[in-house]
């Protein structure tokens, strides 16, 4: 015997039953319309139906999700994210695209990688004559900001409300003018900005992604940008150079893991190496950019000589 069930959707659930006799089975089945769902742990309705054949009362319990209308506040975040992305783009249009640096906010001025990052950003800013971009925070982000300023080139940044370490105020930088950086509430908007600064739509655009040593946040940004390049979704008409700075073999174990991924078949052979250039020193990174952008041999020689002299003077 089966039942056809109908009911209203307000808090007082009404049940209407119309029995159908099935001679082949004594099982009572409930057919519920799409407006009902049968589920445990919800308000239940009990009903009885007398079976004419054996005069037994069949007790059946029907669990109903009461679909009372619930009013939700309209989510405001999509519009807020959209507006924040727009402000990121406006800042980029004003300062110009260039090189984005990803790296740790924890490695301070006393760290050897801090000194190397500062020198690298200075040399790249001179070589590419472009704006230097970063998270505008402490650590290696501070190093690249100082290096670019020493080169006399524009500097921009996309802060996030809270960085690891110091500078945790929501809109604070100790020396950058406030019009040169944007404090983002949303990581998604910030990432839009960090990606857009390296887009190359013509041969005059000189941009790059430089991944310095870092932790969770750095790796998140590194692999997201790598995935965009891999899937050709970065929005750039021309290739964008991606450099992984492997200072003191910092990323060597990560590179070993990616080799293991090749062995397991989760990435294709040679796929990762085709997406970036692993460099162990600043001179190697600068030489790669010189070759990538096809600078003349005289410019290449001058820039390499300049880099070596700068590194030697800083070490002494």
Protein backbone atom coordinates (compact mmCIF):
# COMPACT_ATOMS: atom_id res chain seq x y z
CA UNK A 1 0.00 0.00 0.00
CA UNK A 2 1.39 3.44 -0.91
CA UNK A 3 0.57 6.96 0.04
CA UNK A 4 0.48 10.19 -1.87
CA UNK A 5 1.56 13.03 0.40
CA UNK A 6 0.82 16.71 0.01
CA UNK A 7 1.32 19.58 2.40
CA UNK A 8 1.69 23.28 2.86
CA UNK A 9 5.02 25.02 3.49
CA UNK A 10 4.08 27.21 6.40
CA UNK A 11 4.92 26.33 9.99
CA UNK A 12 1.67 24.38 10.38
CA UNK A 13 2.23 21.42 8.14
CA UNK A 14 -0.92 19.89 6.72
CA UNK A 15 -0.92 16.31 5.52
CA UNK A 16 -3.36 14.87 3.04
CA UNK A 17 -3.30 11.14 2.42
CA UNK A 18 -4.81 9.16 -0.38
CA UNK A 19 -4.26 5.42 0.01
CA UNK A 20 -3.40 3.12 -2.82
CA UNK A 21 -3.59 -0.62 -2.25
CA UNK A 22 -0.84 -2.82 -3.57
CA UNK A 23 -1.65 -6.49 -3.31
CA UNK A 24 1.94 -7.58 -3.79
CA UNK A 25 3.39 -5.80 -0.76
CA UNK A 26 2.37 -4.73 2.71
CA UNK A 27 5.21 -2.15 2.82
CA UNK A 28 4.03 1.39 3.37
CA UNK A 29 5.99 3.80 1.18
CA UNK A 30 5.91 7.55 1.22
CA UNK A 31 6.06 9.46 -2.02
CA UNK A 32 6.87 13.07 -1.22
CA UNK A 33 6.62 15.93 -3.65
CA UNK A 34 9.70 17.98 -4.37
CA UNK A 35 8.67 20.58 -1.82
CA UNK A 36 9.36 18.10 0.98
CA UNK A 37 12.55 16.35 1.95
CA UNK A 38 12.74 13.31 4.13
CA UNK A 39 15.47 13.77 6.69
CA UNK A 40 16.28 12.94 10.29
CA UNK A 41 16.56 15.41 13.14
CA UNK A 42 13.82 17.65 11.83
CA UNK A 43 10.28 18.28 13.03
CA UNK A 44 8.19 15.19 12.39
CA UNK A 45 4.55 14.44 11.70
CA UNK A 46 2.93 11.19 12.78
CA UNK A 47 -0.20 9.78 11.20
CA UNK A 48 -2.18 6.55 11.23
CA UNK A 49 -3.98 4.81 8.44
CA UNK A 50 -6.28 1.80 8.86
CA UNK A 51 -5.67 -0.98 6.45
CA UNK A 52 -8.98 -2.46 5.42
CA UNK A 53 -7.59 -5.89 4.65
CA UNK A 54 -6.31 -6.72 8.14
CA UNK A 55 -7.77 -3.80 10.18
CA UNK A 56 -4.34 -3.04 11.64
CA UNK A 57 -3.28 0.48 12.26
CA UNK A 58 -0.04 1.29 10.53
CA UNK A 59 2.00 3.92 12.37
CA UNK A 60 4.21 5.92 10.04
CA UNK A 61 6.44 8.84 10.88
CA UNK A 62 7.28 11.37 8.22
CA UNK A 63 10.20 13.69 8.77
CA UNK A 64 9.80 17.00 7.02
CA UNK A 65 12.16 19.89 6.55
CA UNK A 66 9.95 22.84 7.36
CA UNK A 67 10.84 25.25 4.62
CA UNK A 68 9.87 28.37 6.46
CA UNK A 69 10.93 31.46 4.60
CA UNK A 70 14.13 32.84 6.11
CA UNK A 71 15.31 36.28 5.19
CA UNK A 72 19.08 36.62 4.79
CA UNK A 73 20.89 39.90 4.75
CA UNK A 74 22.20 40.64 1.30
CA UNK A 75 25.91 39.85 1.06
CA UNK A 76 27.83 43.04 0.53
CA UNK A 77 31.26 41.51 0.00
CA UNK A 78 30.97 40.96 -3.81
CA UNK A 79 30.45 44.65 -4.38
CA UNK A 80 33.16 45.56 -1.89
CA UNK A 81 35.64 43.19 -3.56
CA UNK A 82 34.77 44.64 -6.95
CA UNK A 83 35.40 48.16 -5.73
CA UNK A 84 38.69 47.15 -4.13
CA UNK A 85 39.89 45.47 -7.34
CA UNK A 86 38.98 48.66 -9.18
CA UNK A 87 41.16 50.69 -6.79
CA UNK A 88 44.03 48.24 -7.37
CA UNK A 89 43.77 48.77 -11.11
CA UNK A 90 43.62 52.53 -10.69
CA UNK A 91 46.85 52.45 -8.66
CA UNK A 92 48.55 50.31 -11.32
CA UNK A 93 47.45 52.66 -14.09
CA UNK A 94 48.93 55.57 -12.17
CA UNK A 95 52.28 54.03 -11.21
CA UNK A 96 52.77 51.65 -14.14
CA UNK A 97 53.32 47.92 -14.46
CA UNK A 98 56.63 46.32 -13.64
CA UNK A 99 58.18 43.66 -11.42
CA UNK A 100 56.27 42.05 -8.55
CA UNK A 101 58.25 40.62 -5.65
CA UNK A 102 56.88 37.83 -3.49
CA UNK A 103 58.66 36.93 -0.28
CA UNK A 104 58.83 36.65 3.48
CA UNK A 105 57.79 39.45 5.79
CA UNK A 106 59.83 37.90 8.61
CA UNK A 107 63.41 38.17 7.31
CA UNK A 108 64.69 41.47 8.69
CA UNK A 109 67.67 43.68 7.84
CA UNK A 110 70.07 41.40 9.67
CA UNK A 111 69.32 38.47 7.36
CA UNK A 112 71.58 37.77 4.38
CA UNK A 113 68.55 37.30 2.12
CA UNK A 114 67.41 40.80 3.03
CA UNK A 115 70.63 42.30 1.69
CA UNK A 116 70.49 40.18 -1.46
CA UNK A 117 66.86 41.08 -2.13
CA UNK A 118 67.58 44.77 -1.69
CA UNK A 119 70.42 44.67 -4.19
CA UNK A 120 68.40 42.58 -6.63
CA UNK A 121 65.45 44.96 -6.72
CA UNK A 122 67.78 47.91 -7.21
CA UNK A 123 69.50 46.28 -10.19
CA UNK A 124 66.29 45.04 -11.81
CA UNK A 125 64.68 48.47 -11.45
CA UNK A 126 67.65 50.00 -13.26
CA UNK A 127 67.72 47.27 -15.90
CA UNK A 128 64.03 47.24 -16.78
CA UNK A 129 63.34 50.90 -15.87
CA UNK A 130 60.01 49.94 -14.34
CA UNK A 131 57.92 50.15 -11.20
CA UNK A 132 58.69 47.70 -8.40
CA UNK A 133 55.69 46.15 -6.65
CA UNK A 134 55.38 44.10 -3.49
CA UNK A 135 53.22 43.47 -0.45
CA UNK A 136 54.51 46.76 0.98
CA UNK A 137 55.17 45.07 4.30
CA UNK A 138 58.22 44.33 6.44
CA UNK A 139 60.96 41.78 5.85
CA UNK A 140 61.97 41.10 2.26
CA UNK A 141 59.11 43.32 1.08
CA UNK A 142 60.84 46.19 2.84
CA UNK A 143 64.15 45.18 1.26
CA UNK A 144 62.86 45.35 -2.31
CA UNK A 145 61.07 48.64 -1.59
CA UNK A 146 64.29 50.21 -0.35
CA UNK A 147 66.30 48.81 -3.26
CA UNK A 148 63.93 50.26 -5.86
CA UNK A 149 63.88 53.62 -4.10
CA UNK A 150 67.69 53.66 -4.13
CA UNK A 151 67.47 53.19 -7.90
CA UNK A 152 65.20 56.23 -8.10
CA UNK A 153 62.37 54.23 -9.67
CA UNK A 154 58.65 54.16 -8.79
CA UNK A 155 57.49 51.82 -6.04
CA UNK A 156 53.99 50.54 -5.40
CA UNK A 157 52.43 48.00 -3.11
CA UNK A 158 49.34 46.12 -2.05
CA UNK A 159 49.26 45.67 1.69
CA UNK A 160 47.01 43.34 3.59
CA UNK A 161 45.49 44.36 6.89
CA UNK A 162 47.74 42.12 8.97
CA UNK A 163 51.23 40.96 8.13
CA UNK A 164 53.33 38.48 10.01
CA UNK A 165 55.70 40.32 12.32
CA UNK A 166 55.45 44.09 12.56
CA UNK A 167 53.48 46.78 10.70
CA UNK A 168 50.19 45.22 11.67
CA UNK A 169 48.26 48.49 11.54
CA UNK A 170 45.67 48.39 8.81
CA UNK A 171 46.99 51.36 6.86
CA UNK A 172 50.55 52.11 7.85
CA UNK A 173 53.94 52.26 6.16
CA UNK A 174 56.93 53.93 7.81
CA UNK A 175 58.20 55.75 4.73
CA UNK A 176 56.18 55.07 1.57
CA UNK A 177 53.71 57.84 0.72
CA UNK A 178 50.14 56.68 1.20
CA UNK A 179 49.29 57.33 -2.46
CA UNK A 180 51.81 54.67 -3.52
CA UNK A 181 50.19 51.70 -1.81
CA UNK A 182 46.76 50.33 -1.13
CA UNK A 183 45.71 48.49 2.00
CA UNK A 184 43.40 45.67 0.91
CA UNK A 185 40.70 44.07 3.03
CA UNK A 186 40.33 41.11 0.69
CA UNK A 187 43.07 38.71 -0.39
CA UNK A 188 41.28 38.15 -3.70
CA UNK A 189 41.45 41.83 -4.60
CA UNK A 190 45.10 42.01 -3.54
CA UNK A 191 45.95 39.03 -5.72
CA UNK A 192 44.22 40.64 -8.69
CA UNK A 193 46.55 43.58 -8.21
CA UNK A 194 49.70 41.50 -7.78
CA UNK A 195 48.93 39.62 -11.00
CA UNK A 196 47.85 42.60 -13.08
CA UNK A 197 51.12 44.48 -12.50
CA UNK A 198 53.06 41.92 -14.55
CA UNK A 199 50.70 41.74 -17.55
CA UNK A 200 52.47 42.48 -20.85
CA UNK A 201 50.30 43.70 -23.70
CA UNK A 202 53.11 45.02 -25.91
CA UNK A 203 56.84 44.64 -26.34
CA UNK A 204 57.52 47.86 -24.45
CA UNK A 205 56.20 46.37 -21.22
CA UNK A 206 59.08 45.08 -19.10
CA UNK A 207 57.68 43.03 -16.24
CA UNK A 208 58.60 39.98 -14.18
CA UNK A 209 57.60 37.87 -11.20
CA UNK A 210 60.41 37.42 -8.67
CA UNK A 211 59.78 34.89 -5.89
CA UNK A 212 62.12 35.40 -2.97
CA UNK A 213 62.37 33.01 0.00
CA UNK A 214 59.15 32.92 2.00
CA UNK A 215 56.59 30.93 3.90
CA UNK A 216 52.94 29.98 3.51
CA UNK A 217 51.75 33.28 2.08
CA UNK A 218 54.61 33.42 -0.40
CA UNK A 219 54.03 29.86 -1.56
CA UNK A 220 50.33 30.57 -1.96
CA UNK A 221 51.09 33.50 -4.27
CA UNK A 222 53.87 31.67 -6.12
CA UNK A 223 51.77 28.65 -7.05
CA UNK A 224 48.68 30.66 -7.86
CA UNK A 225 50.59 32.81 -10.34
CA UNK A 226 52.34 29.72 -11.70
CA UNK A 227 48.97 28.05 -12.24
CA UNK A 228 47.69 31.11 -14.10
CA UNK A 229 50.73 31.03 -16.37
CA UNK A 230 50.42 27.27 -16.84
CA UNK A 231 46.75 27.53 -17.83
CA UNK A 232 47.31 30.69 -19.90
CA UNK A 233 44.87 32.59 -17.71
CA UNK A 234 47.17 35.33 -16.48
CA UNK A 235 45.70 37.76 -19.01
CA UNK A 236 49.00 38.67 -20.66
CA UNK A 237 49.36 38.73 -24.42
CA UNK A 238 53.14 38.24 -24.15
CA UNK A 239 55.16 35.87 -21.94
CA UNK A 240 55.99 36.98 -18.42
CA UNK A 241 59.36 35.94 -16.93
CA UNK A 242 59.04 34.14 -13.61
CA UNK A 243 62.16 33.86 -11.43
CA UNK A 244 62.48 31.68 -8.33
CA UNK A 245 65.36 32.95 -6.17
CA UNK A 246 66.91 29.89 -4.58
CA UNK A 247 69.22 31.73 -2.18
CA UNK A 248 71.35 29.30 -0.17
CA UNK A 249 69.33 26.39 -1.65
CA UNK A 250 66.23 27.67 0.19
CA UNK A 251 63.83 26.09 -2.33
CA UNK A 252 65.88 22.99 -3.16
CA UNK A 253 63.65 20.60 -1.21
CA UNK A 254 60.58 22.12 -2.85
CA UNK A 255 62.17 21.52 -6.22
CA UNK A 256 62.91 17.93 -5.19
CA UNK A 257 59.24 17.51 -4.31
CA UNK A 258 58.20 18.81 -7.72
CA UNK A 259 60.54 16.25 -9.28
CA UNK A 260 58.71 13.60 -7.26
CA UNK A 261 55.45 14.96 -8.68
CA UNK A 262 56.85 14.29 -12.13
CA UNK A 263 57.70 10.74 -11.10
CA UNK A 264 54.15 10.22 -9.90
CA UNK A 265 52.72 11.78 -13.02
CA UNK A 266 50.88 14.65 -11.32
CA UNK A 267 52.83 17.06 -13.51
CA UNK A 268 54.35 16.38 -16.89
CA UNK A 269 58.07 15.96 -17.41
CA UNK A 270 59.68 19.35 -17.79
CA UNK A 271 56.41 21.18 -17.21
CA UNK A 272 57.45 23.01 -14.04
CA UNK A 273 60.87 24.00 -15.35
CA UNK A 274 59.22 25.56 -18.39
CA UNK A 275 57.15 27.87 -16.21
CA UNK A 276 59.94 29.57 -14.29
CA UNK A 277 63.68 30.11 -14.07
CA UNK A 278 65.40 28.94 -10.90
CA UNK A 279 68.28 31.26 -10.01
CA UNK A 280 70.79 30.80 -7.21
CA UNK A 281 72.24 34.31 -7.31
CA UNK A 282 71.38 37.87 -8.27
CA UNK A 283 73.80 37.86 -11.19
CA UNK A 284 72.10 34.76 -12.60
CA UNK A 285 68.69 36.38 -12.32
CA UNK A 286 69.83 39.59 -13.98
CA UNK A 287 71.51 37.70 -16.82
CA UNK A 288 68.27 35.78 -17.41
CA UNK A 289 66.26 39.01 -17.69
CA UNK A 290 68.83 40.48 -20.06
CA UNK A 291 68.50 37.42 -22.30
CA UNK A 292 64.71 37.25 -21.94
CA UNK A 293 64.21 40.81 -23.13
CA UNK A 294 66.97 40.64 -25.73
CA UNK A 295 68.97 43.61 -24.59
CA UNK A 296 71.99 44.41 -26.72
CA UNK A 297 75.31 42.85 -25.85
CA UNK A 298 76.71 46.22 -24.78
CA UNK A 299 73.81 46.79 -22.41
CA UNK A 300 74.20 43.25 -21.15
CA UNK A 301 77.88 43.77 -20.42
CA UNK A 302 77.31 47.11 -18.74
CA UNK A 303 74.53 45.79 -16.55
CA UNK A 304 76.43 42.69 -15.50
CA UNK A 305 79.52 44.76 -14.68
CA UNK A 306 77.35 47.13 -12.67
CA UNK A 307 75.77 44.27 -10.78
CA UNK A 308 79.10 42.66 -9.89
CA UNK A 309 80.57 45.97 -8.74
CA UNK A 310 77.52 46.65 -6.57
CA UNK A 311 77.63 43.24 -4.97
CA UNK A 312 81.35 43.51 -4.31
CA UNK A 313 81.01 46.96 -2.71
CA UNK A 314 78.16 45.78 -0.47
CA UNK A 315 80.13 42.74 0.67
CA UNK A 316 83.12 44.87 1.63
